Every structure is written in structure tokens, then in C-alpha cells.
Amino acid sequence: MKSISSSQEPEAVRKKIRQLQNRQKVLLNRKADAERKARTHRLIERGAILESVFPEIVPMLGEQVKAFLERKR
């Protein structure tokens, strides 16, 4: 184990804190990316199912699809 003088100790602790904060940011970004990819996949999959069950919605705009589905309730 390295011997750290008392004057270097606070800087070593600050450096370790910065490293851990950066690691936390990286992990949070990875989590957000994974959640975004899962949501995108889910939306695409459900949109494909919707189009296969109701082929008439393919040419419709978003608001038209919404109105169509609300009428189906």
C-alpha cells in the first residue's frame, strides 16, 4: 500500500470522490439509455401490432388514430 503524506491525503480523497461521481454519471447514463431503448422497442412493437389488427390506420395521422381508438372503446 502506498504511503500518502498528510498534505496529499485531502487531494487523494477529492480525486477519489470525483472518480466515484464520474462513475455514477456513467452508470446513470447507461440506465437511461437502456430504459430509452426498452421504451422505443415497446412502442415499435405495439405500433406494429396495432397496424396488423387495424390496417386502416396506416395512412392516418396521430390524432386520427387516437380518435379511431377512442371510438373503439
C-alpha atoms as a PDB file:
ATOM      1  CA  MET A   1       0.000   0.000   0.000  1.00  0.00           C
ATOM      2  CA  LYS A   2       1.279   3.434  -0.897  1.00  0.00           C
ATOM      3  CA  SER A   3       2.232   5.822   1.818  1.00  0.00           C
ATOM      4  CA  ILE A   4       0.474   9.162   1.378  1.00  0.00           C
ATOM      5  CA  SER A   5       1.721  12.208   3.226  1.00  0.00           C
ATOM      6  CA  SER A   6      -0.770  14.228   5.230  1.00  0.00           C
ATOM      7  CA  SER A   7      -0.651  17.071   2.667  1.00  0.00           C
ATOM      8  CA  GLN A   8      -1.531  14.692  -0.199  1.00  0.00           C
ATOM      9  CA  GLU A   9      -4.335  12.953   1.655  1.00  0.00           C
ATOM     10  CA  PRO A  10      -7.118  15.545   1.116  1.00  0.00           C
ATOM     11  CA  GLU A  11      -6.310  15.752  -2.600  1.00  0.00           C
ATOM     12  CA  ALA A  12      -6.322  11.953  -2.920  1.00  0.00           C
ATOM     13  CA  VAL A  13      -9.737  11.855  -1.244  1.00  0.00           C
ATOM     14  CA  ARG A  14     -11.069  14.598  -3.549  1.00  0.00           C
ATOM     15  CA  LYS A  15      -9.744  12.715  -6.569  1.00  0.00           C
ATOM     16  CA  LYS A  16     -11.426   9.503  -5.416  1.00  0.00           C
ATOM     17  CA  ILE A  17     -14.707  11.397  -4.880  1.00  0.00           C
ATOM     18  CA  ARG A  18     -14.509  12.844  -8.430  1.00  0.00           C
ATOM     19  CA  GLN A  19     -13.826   9.375  -9.829  1.00  0.00           C
ATOM     20  CA  LEU A  20     -16.818   7.922  -7.996  1.00  0.00           C
ATOM     21  CA  GLN A  21     -19.059  10.804  -9.096  1.00  0.00           C
ATOM     22  CA  ASN A  22     -17.995  10.288 -12.706  1.00  0.00           C
ATOM     23  CA  ARG A  23     -18.622   6.556 -12.394  1.00  0.00           C
ATOM     24  CA  GLN A  24     -22.095   7.296 -11.023  1.00  0.00           C
ATOM     25  CA  LYS A  25     -22.823   9.580 -14.007  1.00  0.00           C
ATOM     26  CA  VAL A  26     -21.719   6.854 -16.426  1.00  0.00           C
ATOM     27  CA  LEU A  27     -23.933   4.276 -14.724  1.00  0.00           C
ATOM     28  CA  LEU A  28     -26.937   6.625 -14.667  1.00  0.00           C
ATOM     29  CA  ASN A  29     -26.437   7.377 -18.372  1.00  0.00           C
ATOM     30  CA  ARG A  30     -26.310   3.658 -19.156  1.00  0.00           C
ATOM     31  CA  LYS A  31     -29.506   3.103 -17.188  1.00  0.00           C
ATOM     32  CA  ALA A  32     -31.265   5.949 -19.019  1.00  0.00           C
ATOM     33  CA  ASP A  33     -30.083   4.584 -22.383  1.00  0.00           C
ATOM     34  CA  ALA A  34     -31.360   1.101 -21.538  1.00  0.00           C
ATOM     35  CA  GLU A  35     -34.731   2.496 -20.439  1.00  0.00           C
ATOM     36  CA  ARG A  36     -34.994   4.605 -23.612  1.00  0.00           C
ATOM     37  CA  LYS A  37     -34.162   1.596 -25.815  1.00  0.00           C
ATOM     38  CA  ALA A  38     -36.723  -0.558 -23.996  1.00  0.00           C
ATOM     39  CA  ARG A  39     -39.407   2.108 -24.429  1.00  0.00           C
ATOM     40  CA  THR A  40     -38.596   2.558 -28.115  1.00  0.00           C
ATOM     41  CA  HIS A  41     -38.747  -1.206 -28.661  1.00  0.00           C
ATOM     42  CA  ARG A  42     -42.060  -1.431 -26.817  1.00  0.00           C
ATOM     43  CA  LEU A  43     -43.601   1.428 -28.809  1.00  0.00           C
ATOM     44  CA  ILE A  44     -42.473  -0.014 -32.133  1.00  0.00           C
ATOM     45  CA  GLU A  45     -43.739  -3.468 -31.222  1.00  0.00           C
ATOM     46  CA  ARG A  46     -47.140  -2.174 -30.101  1.00  0.00           C
ATOM     47  CA  GLY A  47     -47.443   0.065 -33.141  1.00  0.00           C
ATOM     48  CA  ALA A  48     -46.796  -2.932 -35.393  1.00  0.00           C
ATOM     49  CA  ILE A  49     -49.445  -4.958 -33.537  1.00  0.00           C
ATOM     50  CA  LEU A  50     -51.901  -2.078 -33.829  1.00  0.00           C
ATOM     51  CA  GLU A  51     -51.306  -1.768 -37.581  1.00  0.00           C
ATOM     52  CA  SER A  52     -51.688  -5.506 -38.095  1.00  0.00           C
ATOM     53  CA  VAL A  53     -55.033  -5.594 -36.224  1.00  0.00           C
ATOM     54  CA  PHE A  54     -56.345  -2.329 -37.746  1.00  0.00           C
ATOM     55  CA  PRO A  55     -54.701  -1.926 -41.184  1.00  0.00           C
ATOM     56  CA  GLU A  56     -56.968   1.047 -41.930  1.00  0.00           C
ATOM     57  CA  ILE A  57     -54.971   3.213 -39.508  1.00  0.00           C
ATOM     58  CA  VAL A  58     -51.731   3.020 -41.517  1.00  0.00           C
ATOM     59  CA  PRO A  59     -52.400   6.183 -43.573  1.00  0.00           C
ATOM     60  CA  MET A  60     -53.907   8.091 -40.610  1.00  0.00           C
ATOM     61  CA  LEU A  61     -52.219  10.863 -38.671  1.00  0.00           C
ATOM     62  CA  GLY A  62     -51.646  10.557 -34.929  1.00  0.00           C
ATOM     63  CA  GLU A  63     -54.771  12.468 -33.882  1.00  0.00           C
ATOM     64  CA  GLN A  64     -56.868  10.440 -36.322  1.00  0.00           C
ATOM     65  CA  VAL A  65     -55.539   7.188 -34.845  1.00  0.00           C
ATOM     66  CA  LYS A  66     -56.307   8.462 -31.352  1.00  0.00           C
ATOM     67  CA  ALA A  67     -59.890   9.356 -32.350  1.00  0.00           C
ATOM     68  CA  PHE A  68     -60.284   5.967 -34.073  1.00  0.00           C
ATOM     69  CA  LEU A  69     -59.171   4.100 -30.957  1.00  0.00           C
ATOM     70  CA  GLU A  70     -61.346   6.189 -28.682  1.00  0.00           C
ATOM     71  CA  ARG A  71     -64.369   5.263 -30.835  1.00  0.00           C
ATOM     72  CA  LYS A  72     -63.403   1.564 -30.400  1.00  0.00           C
ATOM     73  CA  ARG A  73     -63.690   1.753 -26.601  1.00  0.00           C
END
